[in-house]
N, C-alpha and C. Protein backbone atom coordinates (compact mmCIF):
# COMPACT_ATOMS: atom_id res chain seq x y z
N MET A 1 30.14 27.01 26.21
CA MET A 1 30.73 27.97 27.16
C MET A 1 31.00 27.22 28.44
N SER A 2 32.18 27.50 28.94
CA SER A 2 32.57 26.80 30.18
C SER A 2 32.80 27.80 31.29
N TYR A 3 32.60 27.41 32.48
CA TYR A 3 32.76 28.26 33.66
C TYR A 3 33.79 27.64 34.59
N ARG A 4 34.59 28.57 35.25
CA ARG A 4 35.59 28.08 36.25
C ARG A 4 35.10 28.51 37.60
N VAL A 5 34.94 27.49 38.33
CA VAL A 5 34.46 27.75 39.68
C VAL A 5 35.66 27.81 40.62
N GLY A 6 35.79 28.88 41.43
CA GLY A 6 36.92 29.01 42.39
C GLY A 6 36.45 29.58 43.71
N PHE A 7 37.32 29.57 44.62
CA PHE A 7 37.01 30.11 45.95
C PHE A 7 37.85 31.36 46.19
N LEU A 8 37.20 32.34 46.69
CA LEU A 8 37.90 33.58 47.01
C LEU A 8 38.22 33.60 48.50
N TRP A 9 39.54 33.61 48.84
CA TRP A 9 39.95 33.66 50.23
C TRP A 9 40.09 35.10 50.68
N PRO A 10 39.63 35.35 51.83
CA PRO A 10 39.79 36.75 52.31
C PRO A 10 41.25 37.10 52.50
N ALA A 11 41.58 38.41 52.32
CA ALA A 11 42.98 38.88 52.49
C ALA A 11 43.45 38.65 53.92
N PRO A 12 44.72 38.24 54.03
CA PRO A 12 45.21 37.94 55.40
C PRO A 12 45.25 39.20 56.27
N LEU A 13 44.82 39.09 57.48
CA LEU A 13 44.82 40.19 58.43
C LEU A 13 46.19 40.28 59.12
N PRO A 14 46.64 41.48 59.42
CA PRO A 14 47.95 41.61 60.14
C PRO A 14 47.86 40.93 61.50
N PHE A 15 48.91 40.20 61.78
CA PHE A 15 48.91 39.40 63.01
C PHE A 15 49.84 40.04 64.02
N ARG A 16 49.40 40.34 65.22
CA ARG A 16 50.22 40.97 66.29
C ARG A 16 49.99 40.21 67.58
N LEU A 17 51.11 39.77 68.14
CA LEU A 17 51.01 39.04 69.39
C LEU A 17 50.75 40.00 70.53
N PRO A 18 49.96 39.66 71.43
CA PRO A 18 49.71 40.54 72.58
C PRO A 18 50.97 40.68 73.44
N ARG A 19 51.28 41.94 73.87
CA ARG A 19 52.46 42.18 74.71
C ARG A 19 52.17 41.71 76.12
N PRO A 20 53.08 40.90 76.65
CA PRO A 20 52.84 40.41 78.01
C PRO A 20 52.82 41.56 79.00
N ALA A 21 52.06 41.42 80.04
CA ALA A 21 51.97 42.46 81.07
C ALA A 21 53.30 42.69 81.76
N ILE A 22 54.11 41.64 81.91
CA ILE A 22 55.42 41.76 82.58
C ILE A 22 56.35 42.68 81.83
N LEU A 23 56.23 42.64 80.44
CA LEU A 23 57.08 43.50 79.64
C LEU A 23 56.75 44.96 79.87
N GLY A 24 55.48 45.27 79.96
CA GLY A 24 55.09 46.65 80.24
C GLY A 24 55.59 47.13 81.58
N SER A 25 55.57 46.21 82.55
CA SER A 25 56.07 46.58 83.88
C SER A 25 57.55 46.87 83.84
N VAL A 26 58.29 46.03 83.05
CA VAL A 26 59.73 46.24 82.95
C VAL A 26 60.05 47.57 82.30
N ILE A 27 59.33 47.90 81.23
CA ILE A 27 59.57 49.17 80.54
C ILE A 27 59.24 50.34 81.45
N GLY A 28 58.11 50.22 82.17
CA GLY A 28 57.74 51.28 83.10
C GLY A 28 58.76 51.43 84.20
N LEU A 29 59.29 50.30 84.68
CA LEU A 29 60.30 50.35 85.74
C LEU A 29 61.58 50.98 85.24
N SER A 30 61.96 50.66 84.00
CA SER A 30 63.18 51.24 83.44
C SER A 30 63.06 52.75 83.33
N LYS A 31 61.88 53.21 82.88
CA LYS A 31 61.68 54.66 82.79
C LYS A 31 61.76 55.31 84.17
N SER A 32 61.22 54.65 85.17
CA SER A 32 61.28 55.19 86.53
C SER A 32 62.72 55.28 87.02
N ARG A 33 63.48 54.24 86.67
CA ARG A 33 64.89 54.27 87.09
C ARG A 33 65.65 55.39 86.41
N VAL A 34 65.38 55.60 85.13
CA VAL A 34 66.04 56.68 84.40
C VAL A 34 65.72 58.03 85.04
N VAL A 35 64.45 58.21 85.38
CA VAL A 35 64.04 59.46 86.02
C VAL A 35 64.71 59.62 87.38
N ALA A 36 64.77 58.50 88.14
CA ALA A 36 65.38 58.57 89.47
C ALA A 36 66.87 58.87 89.38
N VAL A 37 67.57 58.19 88.44
CA VAL A 37 69.01 58.42 88.28
C VAL A 37 69.26 59.85 87.82
N SER A 38 68.44 60.34 86.89
CA SER A 38 68.58 61.72 86.44
C SER A 38 68.40 62.70 87.59
N GLY A 39 67.43 62.41 88.45
CA GLY A 39 67.21 63.27 89.61
C GLY A 39 68.39 63.26 90.56
N LEU A 40 68.96 62.06 90.77
CA LEU A 40 70.12 61.95 91.66
C LEU A 40 71.32 62.69 91.09
N LEU A 41 71.53 62.54 89.77
CA LEU A 41 72.65 63.24 89.14
C LEU A 41 72.49 64.75 89.23
N LEU A 42 71.26 65.22 89.03
CA LEU A 42 71.00 66.65 89.14
C LEU A 42 71.23 67.15 90.56
N ALA A 43 70.75 66.36 91.54
CA ALA A 43 70.95 66.75 92.94
C ALA A 43 72.43 66.76 93.30
N ALA A 44 73.16 65.72 92.82
CA ALA A 44 74.60 65.67 93.11
C ALA A 44 75.32 66.84 92.47
N SER A 45 74.90 67.21 91.26
CA SER A 45 75.52 68.35 90.58
C SER A 45 75.28 69.64 91.35
N LEU A 46 74.04 69.81 91.83
CA LEU A 46 73.71 71.01 92.61
C LEU A 46 74.51 71.06 93.90
N VAL A 47 74.65 69.90 94.56
CA VAL A 47 75.41 69.85 95.81
C VAL A 47 76.88 70.19 95.55
N ALA A 48 77.44 69.63 94.44
CA ALA A 48 78.83 69.90 94.11
C ALA A 48 79.05 71.38 93.81
N CYS A 49 78.11 71.97 93.07
CA CYS A 49 78.23 73.40 92.77
C CYS A 49 78.15 74.24 94.04
N ARG A 50 77.22 73.86 94.93
CA ARG A 50 77.07 74.59 96.18
C ARG A 50 78.32 74.46 97.04
N LYS A 51 78.89 73.26 97.07
CA LYS A 51 80.11 73.04 97.85
C LYS A 51 81.27 73.85 97.28
N GLN A 52 81.35 73.90 95.95
CA GLN A 52 82.41 74.67 95.33
C GLN A 52 82.26 76.15 95.62
N GLU A 53 81.02 76.65 95.59
CA GLU A 53 80.78 78.05 95.92
C GLU A 53 81.18 78.35 97.36
N GLN A 54 80.86 77.42 98.27
CA GLN A 54 81.22 77.62 99.67
C GLN A 54 82.74 77.63 99.84
N GLU A 55 83.43 76.74 99.12
CA GLU A 55 84.89 76.69 99.22
C GLU A 55 85.50 77.98 98.70
N VAL A 56 85.00 78.48 97.57
CA VAL A 56 85.50 79.75 97.03
C VAL A 56 85.24 80.89 98.00
N ALA A 57 84.03 80.92 98.58
CA ALA A 57 83.72 81.96 99.55
C ALA A 57 84.60 81.86 100.78
N GLY A 58 84.89 80.61 101.21
CA GLY A 58 85.76 80.42 102.37
C GLY A 58 87.17 80.90 102.10
N VAL A 59 87.69 80.61 100.91
CA VAL A 59 89.04 81.06 100.55
C VAL A 59 89.10 82.59 100.52
N ALA A 60 88.07 83.20 99.93
CA ALA A 60 88.02 84.66 99.86
C ALA A 60 87.96 85.27 101.26
N GLN A 61 87.18 84.66 102.14
CA GLN A 61 87.07 85.18 103.51
C GLN A 61 88.38 85.03 104.26
N LYS A 62 89.08 83.90 104.07
CA LYS A 62 90.37 83.71 104.73
C LYS A 62 91.39 84.71 104.22
N ALA A 63 91.37 84.96 102.92
CA ALA A 63 92.30 85.93 102.35
C ALA A 63 92.04 87.33 102.90
N ALA A 64 90.76 87.69 103.01
CA ALA A 64 90.42 89.00 103.56
C ALA A 64 90.83 89.11 105.02
N SER A 65 90.63 88.03 105.78
CA SER A 65 91.02 88.03 107.20
C SER A 65 92.53 88.14 107.34
N ALA A 66 93.26 87.42 106.48
CA ALA A 66 94.72 87.48 106.54
C ALA A 66 95.23 88.88 106.20
N GLU A 67 94.62 89.50 105.20
CA GLU A 67 95.02 90.87 104.84
C GLU A 67 94.72 91.84 105.97
N HIS A 68 93.56 91.68 106.60
CA HIS A 68 93.22 92.55 107.73
C HIS A 68 94.19 92.35 108.88
N ARG A 69 94.56 91.08 109.13
CA ARG A 69 95.50 90.80 110.22
C ARG A 69 96.86 91.42 109.94
N VAL A 70 97.32 91.32 108.69
CA VAL A 70 98.62 91.91 108.33
C VAL A 70 98.58 93.42 108.49
N GLN A 71 97.49 94.03 108.06
CA GLN A 71 97.36 95.49 108.21
C GLN A 71 97.36 95.89 109.68
N SER A 72 96.68 95.11 110.52
CA SER A 72 96.64 95.41 111.96
C SER A 72 98.02 95.27 112.57
N GLU A 73 98.76 94.21 112.17
CA GLU A 73 100.11 94.00 112.70
C GLU A 73 101.03 95.14 112.25
N ASN A 74 100.92 95.54 111.00
CA ASN A 74 101.75 96.64 110.52
C ASN A 74 101.44 97.94 111.27
N THR A 75 100.16 98.18 111.52
CA THR A 75 99.78 99.37 112.28
C THR A 75 100.34 99.32 113.69
N LEU A 76 100.27 98.14 114.32
CA LEU A 76 100.80 97.99 115.67
C LEU A 76 102.30 98.21 115.69
N ARG A 77 103.01 97.66 114.70
CA ARG A 77 104.46 97.86 114.63
C ARG A 77 104.80 99.34 114.46
N ASP A 78 104.04 100.02 113.64
CA ASP A 78 104.28 101.46 113.46
C ASP A 78 104.09 102.21 114.78
N GLN A 79 103.07 101.84 115.52
CA GLN A 79 102.82 102.49 116.81
C GLN A 79 103.95 102.19 117.80
N GLN A 80 104.45 100.94 117.80
CA GLN A 80 105.53 100.58 118.71
C GLN A 80 106.82 101.31 118.34
N ARG A 81 107.11 101.40 117.05
CA ARG A 81 108.30 102.14 116.63
C ARG A 81 108.20 103.61 117.03
N ALA A 82 107.01 104.17 116.84
CA ALA A 82 106.82 105.58 117.21
C ALA A 82 106.99 105.79 118.71
N ALA A 83 106.51 104.84 119.52
CA ALA A 83 106.64 104.96 120.98
C ALA A 83 108.10 104.89 121.42
N LEU A 84 108.90 104.09 120.72
CA LEU A 84 110.30 103.93 121.11
C LEU A 84 111.19 105.05 120.59
N GLU A 85 110.66 105.88 119.73
CA GLU A 85 111.47 106.98 119.22
C GLU A 85 111.80 107.99 120.32
N ARG A 86 111.09 107.91 121.44
CA ARG A 86 111.41 108.81 122.56
C ARG A 86 112.75 108.46 123.18
N ILE A 87 113.20 107.21 122.92
CA ILE A 87 114.51 106.78 123.42
C ILE A 87 115.55 107.10 122.36
N PRO A 88 116.63 107.80 122.71
CA PRO A 88 117.64 108.16 121.70
C PRO A 88 118.39 106.93 121.19
N LEU A 89 118.99 107.07 120.05
CA LEU A 89 119.82 105.99 119.51
C LEU A 89 120.97 105.70 120.46
N PRO A 90 121.46 104.44 120.45
CA PRO A 90 122.48 104.07 121.45
C PRO A 90 123.81 104.78 121.23
N THR A 91 124.49 105.00 122.34
CA THR A 91 125.85 105.53 122.33
C THR A 91 126.79 104.39 122.72
N LYS A 92 127.47 103.84 121.74
CA LYS A 92 128.25 102.63 121.98
C LYS A 92 129.40 102.85 122.95
N SER A 93 129.91 104.04 123.01
CA SER A 93 131.02 104.29 123.92
C SER A 93 130.62 104.09 125.38
N LEU A 94 129.31 104.12 125.66
CA LEU A 94 128.85 103.94 127.04
C LEU A 94 128.90 102.48 127.48
N TYR A 95 128.89 101.55 126.53
CA TYR A 95 128.83 100.14 126.93
C TYR A 95 129.84 99.25 126.22
N VAL A 96 130.69 99.83 125.39
CA VAL A 96 131.64 99.00 124.66
C VAL A 96 132.60 98.27 125.60
N GLY A 97 132.84 98.84 126.78
CA GLY A 97 133.75 98.20 127.72
C GLY A 97 133.07 97.25 128.70
N VAL A 98 131.77 97.03 128.56
CA VAL A 98 131.04 96.15 129.47
C VAL A 98 131.07 94.73 128.92
N HIS A 99 131.67 93.82 129.67
CA HIS A 99 131.78 92.43 129.23
C HIS A 99 131.15 91.45 130.22
N ASP A 100 130.67 91.95 131.32
CA ASP A 100 130.01 91.12 132.32
C ASP A 100 128.50 91.39 132.27
N PRO A 101 127.69 90.37 132.00
CA PRO A 101 126.25 90.61 131.91
C PRO A 101 125.67 91.28 133.16
N SER A 102 126.25 91.01 134.30
CA SER A 102 125.72 91.61 135.52
C SER A 102 125.96 93.11 135.57
N GLN A 103 126.88 93.60 134.75
CA GLN A 103 127.18 95.02 134.74
C GLN A 103 126.45 95.76 133.62
N TRP A 104 125.69 95.03 132.83
CA TRP A 104 124.95 95.64 131.73
C TRP A 104 123.81 96.49 132.29
N GLY A 105 123.76 97.75 131.88
CA GLY A 105 122.79 98.67 132.48
C GLY A 105 121.48 98.82 131.72
N ASN A 106 121.40 98.28 130.52
CA ASN A 106 120.18 98.36 129.72
C ASN A 106 119.38 97.08 129.84
N PRO A 107 118.22 96.99 129.20
CA PRO A 107 117.47 95.73 129.23
C PRO A 107 118.30 94.55 128.74
N PHE A 108 118.20 93.45 129.44
CA PHE A 108 118.95 92.24 129.10
C PHE A 108 117.95 91.10 128.95
N LEU A 109 117.98 90.42 127.80
CA LEU A 109 117.05 89.34 127.50
C LEU A 109 117.80 88.00 127.49
N THR A 110 117.31 87.07 128.31
CA THR A 110 117.82 85.70 128.30
C THR A 110 116.75 84.82 127.69
N VAL A 111 117.07 84.22 126.56
CA VAL A 111 116.06 83.49 125.78
C VAL A 111 116.07 82.02 126.16
N GLU A 112 114.90 81.52 126.53
CA GLU A 112 114.70 80.11 126.82
C GLU A 112 113.96 79.46 125.64
N ALA A 113 113.68 78.16 125.78
CA ALA A 113 112.99 77.44 124.71
C ALA A 113 111.53 77.88 124.58
N ASP A 114 110.92 78.30 125.70
CA ASP A 114 109.50 78.63 125.68
C ASP A 114 109.18 79.99 126.29
N ARG A 115 110.20 80.75 126.68
CA ARG A 115 109.94 82.05 127.28
C ARG A 115 111.19 82.92 127.15
N ILE A 116 111.04 84.17 127.59
CA ILE A 116 112.15 85.11 127.61
C ILE A 116 112.21 85.75 128.99
N ASP A 117 113.40 85.74 129.58
CA ASP A 117 113.61 86.41 130.87
C ASP A 117 114.12 87.83 130.59
N LEU A 118 113.38 88.80 131.07
CA LEU A 118 113.75 90.21 130.87
C LEU A 118 114.26 90.78 132.18
N ARG A 119 115.46 91.34 132.12
CA ARG A 119 116.05 91.97 133.30
C ARG A 119 116.31 93.43 133.01
N ILE A 120 115.83 94.27 133.90
CA ILE A 120 116.07 95.71 133.74
C ILE A 120 116.66 96.26 135.03
N LEU A 121 117.41 97.32 134.88
CA LEU A 121 118.05 97.97 136.02
C LEU A 121 117.55 99.41 136.08
N PHE A 122 116.81 99.72 137.14
CA PHE A 122 116.30 101.07 137.29
C PHE A 122 117.41 102.02 137.72
N ALA A 123 117.26 103.26 137.36
CA ALA A 123 118.25 104.26 137.72
C ALA A 123 118.23 104.52 139.22
N ASP A 124 119.38 104.86 139.75
CA ASP A 124 119.50 105.18 141.17
C ASP A 124 118.93 106.58 141.40
N ALA A 125 117.99 106.65 142.31
CA ALA A 125 117.38 107.95 142.60
C ALA A 125 118.38 108.93 143.18
N ASN A 126 119.40 108.40 143.85
CA ASN A 126 120.46 109.23 144.42
C ASN A 126 121.52 109.47 143.35
N THR A 127 121.65 110.68 142.92
CA THR A 127 122.59 110.99 141.85
C THR A 127 124.04 111.06 142.32
N SER A 128 124.26 111.03 143.63
CA SER A 128 125.63 111.09 144.15
C SER A 128 126.33 109.75 143.91
N SER A 129 127.61 109.81 143.62
CA SER A 129 128.39 108.60 143.40
C SER A 129 128.85 107.97 144.71
N PHE A 130 128.67 108.63 145.82
CA PHE A 130 129.12 108.11 147.10
C PHE A 130 128.28 106.89 147.50
N GLY A 131 128.96 105.78 147.75
CA GLY A 131 128.31 104.57 148.21
C GLY A 131 127.54 103.81 147.14
N GLN A 132 127.70 104.23 145.89
CA GLN A 132 126.96 103.55 144.82
C GLN A 132 127.45 102.12 144.66
N ASP A 133 126.52 101.17 144.45
CA ASP A 133 126.81 99.74 144.28
C ASP A 133 127.52 99.15 145.50
N THR A 134 127.24 99.67 146.65
CA THR A 134 127.77 99.11 147.89
C THR A 134 126.60 98.59 148.70
N MET A 135 126.89 98.13 149.93
CA MET A 135 125.85 97.61 150.79
C MET A 135 124.81 98.68 151.11
N LEU A 136 125.24 99.93 151.10
CA LEU A 136 124.31 101.01 151.38
C LEU A 136 123.39 101.27 150.20
N ARG A 137 123.93 101.12 149.01
CA ARG A 137 123.15 101.36 147.79
C ARG A 137 123.41 100.24 146.79
N PRO A 138 122.91 99.03 147.06
CA PRO A 138 123.20 97.90 146.17
C PRO A 138 122.42 98.02 144.85
N SER A 139 123.11 97.66 143.78
CA SER A 139 122.45 97.72 142.47
C SER A 139 121.37 96.65 142.35
N GLY A 140 121.53 95.55 143.13
CA GLY A 140 120.55 94.48 143.06
C GLY A 140 119.17 94.93 143.50
N ALA A 141 119.13 95.93 144.36
CA ALA A 141 117.84 96.42 144.83
C ALA A 141 117.11 97.17 143.73
N ARG A 142 117.85 97.63 142.73
CA ARG A 142 117.24 98.35 141.62
C ARG A 142 116.99 97.45 140.41
N ARG A 143 117.35 96.18 140.52
CA ARG A 143 117.21 95.25 139.41
C ARG A 143 115.87 94.54 139.50
N GLN A 144 115.21 94.41 138.38
CA GLN A 144 113.92 93.72 138.32
C GLN A 144 113.97 92.71 137.17
N GLU A 145 113.47 91.52 137.46
CA GLU A 145 113.44 90.46 136.45
C GLU A 145 112.01 89.97 136.29
N MET A 146 111.66 89.64 135.07
CA MET A 146 110.32 89.13 134.77
C MET A 146 110.39 88.13 133.63
N GLN A 147 109.46 87.20 133.62
CA GLN A 147 109.36 86.21 132.56
C GLN A 147 108.19 86.60 131.65
N ILE A 148 108.45 86.62 130.36
CA ILE A 148 107.43 87.01 129.41
C ILE A 148 107.36 85.99 128.27
N ARG A 149 106.24 85.95 127.62
CA ARG A 149 106.09 85.11 126.44
C ARG A 149 106.72 85.82 125.24
N PRO A 150 107.26 85.07 124.28
CA PRO A 150 107.82 85.72 123.09
C PRO A 150 106.81 86.62 122.39
N ALA A 151 105.54 86.25 122.39
CA ALA A 151 104.52 87.05 121.73
C ALA A 151 104.31 88.40 122.41
N ASP A 152 104.70 88.52 123.68
CA ASP A 152 104.50 89.76 124.44
C ASP A 152 105.77 90.60 124.53
N LEU A 153 106.81 90.21 123.81
CA LEU A 153 108.10 90.90 123.95
C LEU A 153 108.02 92.37 123.53
N ALA A 154 107.48 92.62 122.37
CA ALA A 154 107.42 94.01 121.88
C ALA A 154 106.64 94.89 122.84
N LYS A 155 105.53 94.39 123.33
CA LYS A 155 104.71 95.15 124.27
C LYS A 155 105.51 95.47 125.55
N ALA A 156 106.27 94.48 126.03
CA ALA A 156 107.06 94.69 127.25
C ALA A 156 108.18 95.71 127.03
N ILE A 157 108.82 95.64 125.88
CA ILE A 157 109.91 96.58 125.59
C ILE A 157 109.39 98.01 125.50
N VAL A 158 108.26 98.18 124.83
CA VAL A 158 107.69 99.52 124.69
C VAL A 158 107.28 100.09 126.04
N ALA A 159 106.88 99.22 126.98
CA ALA A 159 106.39 99.69 128.28
C ALA A 159 107.52 100.06 129.25
N LEU A 160 108.77 99.79 128.88
CA LEU A 160 109.87 100.09 129.81
C LEU A 160 110.01 101.60 130.00
N PRO A 161 110.34 102.03 131.21
CA PRO A 161 110.49 103.47 131.47
C PRO A 161 111.77 104.00 130.83
N PRO A 162 111.83 105.28 130.56
CA PRO A 162 113.02 105.86 129.92
C PRO A 162 114.31 105.64 130.71
N GLU A 163 114.20 105.59 132.06
CA GLU A 163 115.42 105.42 132.86
C GLU A 163 116.05 104.03 132.71
N ALA A 164 115.34 103.09 132.06
CA ALA A 164 115.91 101.77 131.84
C ALA A 164 116.81 101.74 130.61
N TRP A 165 116.91 102.87 129.89
CA TRP A 165 117.66 102.93 128.65
C TRP A 165 118.87 103.85 128.79
N ARG A 166 119.71 103.63 129.77
CA ARG A 166 120.82 104.56 130.01
C ARG A 166 121.85 104.55 128.88
N TYR A 167 121.92 103.47 128.08
CA TYR A 167 122.84 103.44 126.93
C TYR A 167 122.17 103.93 125.64
N GLY A 168 120.88 104.21 125.70
CA GLY A 168 120.13 104.48 124.49
C GLY A 168 119.34 103.24 124.07
N ARG A 169 118.86 103.23 122.87
CA ARG A 169 117.94 102.19 122.41
C ARG A 169 118.69 100.93 121.97
N VAL A 170 119.23 100.22 122.94
CA VAL A 170 119.97 98.99 122.67
C VAL A 170 119.63 97.96 123.73
N VAL A 171 119.52 96.69 123.33
CA VAL A 171 119.16 95.60 124.22
C VAL A 171 120.16 94.47 124.04
N ALA A 172 120.54 93.85 125.14
CA ALA A 172 121.41 92.67 125.09
C ALA A 172 120.56 91.42 125.03
N VAL A 173 120.96 90.46 124.19
CA VAL A 173 120.24 89.20 124.03
C VAL A 173 121.22 88.05 124.16
N ALA A 174 120.87 87.07 124.99
CA ALA A 174 121.74 85.91 125.21
C ALA A 174 120.91 84.64 125.30
N GLU A 175 121.50 83.53 124.90
CA GLU A 175 120.86 82.23 125.09
C GLU A 175 120.95 81.82 126.56
N ALA A 176 119.96 81.09 127.02
CA ALA A 176 119.98 80.61 128.41
C ALA A 176 121.22 79.73 128.61
N PRO A 177 122.08 80.05 129.55
CA PRO A 177 123.35 79.34 129.68
C PRO A 177 123.21 77.90 130.19
N ASN A 178 122.19 77.63 130.96
CA ASN A 178 122.06 76.30 131.58
C ASN A 178 121.02 75.41 130.90
N ALA A 179 120.65 75.74 129.67
CA ALA A 179 119.64 74.94 128.96
C ALA A 179 120.22 73.59 128.55
N SER A 180 119.35 72.60 128.43
CA SER A 180 119.78 71.27 128.01
C SER A 180 120.10 71.26 126.52
N PRO A 181 120.97 70.35 126.09
CA PRO A 181 121.34 70.31 124.66
C PRO A 181 120.14 70.12 123.73
N LYS A 182 119.14 69.37 124.16
CA LYS A 182 117.99 69.13 123.28
C LYS A 182 117.16 70.39 123.05
N ASP A 183 117.30 71.37 123.96
CA ASP A 183 116.55 72.63 123.82
C ASP A 183 117.31 73.67 123.01
N ARG A 184 118.57 73.41 122.69
CA ARG A 184 119.39 74.41 122.01
C ARG A 184 118.84 74.83 120.65
N PRO A 185 118.37 73.89 119.80
CA PRO A 185 117.82 74.34 118.51
C PRO A 185 116.62 75.28 118.66
N ALA A 186 115.71 74.95 119.58
CA ALA A 186 114.54 75.80 119.80
C ALA A 186 114.96 77.16 120.36
N ILE A 187 115.94 77.16 121.24
CA ILE A 187 116.41 78.42 121.81
C ILE A 187 117.04 79.29 120.72
N ARG A 188 117.80 78.65 119.84
CA ARG A 188 118.44 79.43 118.78
C ARG A 188 117.40 80.05 117.85
N ARG A 189 116.37 79.30 117.55
CA ARG A 189 115.29 79.85 116.71
C ARG A 189 114.62 81.03 117.42
N ASN A 190 114.41 80.90 118.71
CA ASN A 190 113.80 82.00 119.47
C ASN A 190 114.69 83.22 119.52
N VAL A 191 116.00 83.00 119.60
CA VAL A 191 116.94 84.13 119.58
C VAL A 191 116.84 84.87 118.25
N GLU A 192 116.83 84.11 117.16
CA GLU A 192 116.75 84.75 115.85
C GLU A 192 115.44 85.52 115.69
N ALA A 193 114.34 84.92 116.16
CA ALA A 193 113.05 85.62 116.08
C ALA A 193 113.05 86.86 116.96
N THR A 194 113.69 86.79 118.12
CA THR A 194 113.77 87.93 119.03
C THR A 194 114.56 89.08 118.41
N VAL A 195 115.68 88.75 117.81
CA VAL A 195 116.51 89.77 117.16
C VAL A 195 115.73 90.43 116.02
N GLN A 196 115.04 89.61 115.23
CA GLN A 196 114.26 90.15 114.12
C GLN A 196 113.17 91.10 114.61
N LEU A 197 112.47 90.71 115.66
CA LEU A 197 111.40 91.55 116.19
C LEU A 197 111.95 92.87 116.73
N LEU A 198 113.03 92.80 117.48
CA LEU A 198 113.62 94.02 118.05
C LEU A 198 114.07 94.96 116.94
N ASN A 199 114.67 94.40 115.89
CA ASN A 199 115.07 95.25 114.77
C ASN A 199 113.86 95.88 114.09
N ASP A 200 112.76 95.12 114.02
CA ASP A 200 111.55 95.64 113.38
C ASP A 200 110.99 96.86 114.11
N ILE A 201 111.16 96.90 115.42
CA ILE A 201 110.62 98.04 116.17
C ILE A 201 111.69 99.09 116.45
N GLY A 202 112.85 98.95 115.81
CA GLY A 202 113.86 99.99 115.87
C GLY A 202 114.82 99.91 117.04
N VAL A 203 115.00 98.71 117.60
CA VAL A 203 115.91 98.53 118.74
C VAL A 203 117.19 97.84 118.26
N VAL A 204 118.33 98.40 118.65
CA VAL A 204 119.63 97.79 118.33
C VAL A 204 119.85 96.61 119.26
N VAL A 205 120.44 95.54 118.73
CA VAL A 205 120.66 94.32 119.52
C VAL A 205 122.15 94.05 119.67
N GLU A 206 122.57 93.80 120.89
CA GLU A 206 123.93 93.31 121.19
C GLU A 206 123.77 91.87 121.68
N GLU A 207 124.21 90.93 120.86
CA GLU A 207 124.05 89.53 121.21
C GLU A 207 125.24 89.03 122.02
N TRP A 208 124.93 88.41 123.14
CA TRP A 208 125.96 87.84 124.01
C TRP A 208 125.99 86.33 123.79
N PRO A 209 127.16 85.70 123.89
CA PRO A 209 128.48 86.28 124.21
C PRO A 209 129.24 86.71 122.99
N GLY A 210 128.54 86.92 121.85
CA GLY A 210 129.22 87.27 120.62
C GLY A 210 129.99 88.58 120.68
N ARG A 211 129.59 89.45 121.57
CA ARG A 211 130.30 90.72 121.69
C ARG A 211 131.51 90.50 122.54
């Protein structure tokens, strides 16, 4: 009988290299950065949403303010039209023969680039025709001129006394005769805006020198 002598080697153990401490620090740092970036993105998203909400609210508020302003302007125009209804509609036969601005008996507007000159002629308290428009009773003494802003035109027209409307509800409008050429475009725009406003409040316009 024979025997075989051998050596039994133990089973190999799993081998794992130790992880360097620097690697753990890097992984931990990466996780921190991810958390920080996520936080920044979330904060930026919240800020963007908040800004968008504010913009929407601002647009809505501006729209409401604009609507309120339009309603107020419409109400004011209605009031001005109602106030001028006390003046009768114009009688053209009373002024169709008037071709000299100095002889115009109703309100006369001379439009400048930045203002409007309003001239009105008050009625003569003396109803007698004797001496009218002479040195004893000059028409210039009854004439009044004032400078107004375009924005105040409607208010000024409504405030005129009834005796300033001897032709009825009609106003003469003319461009400033001595304005410089560079001011002509602005003056023309102001004339068009003046005519539009007067028509809006129910006043007939006779534009000079077109008549």
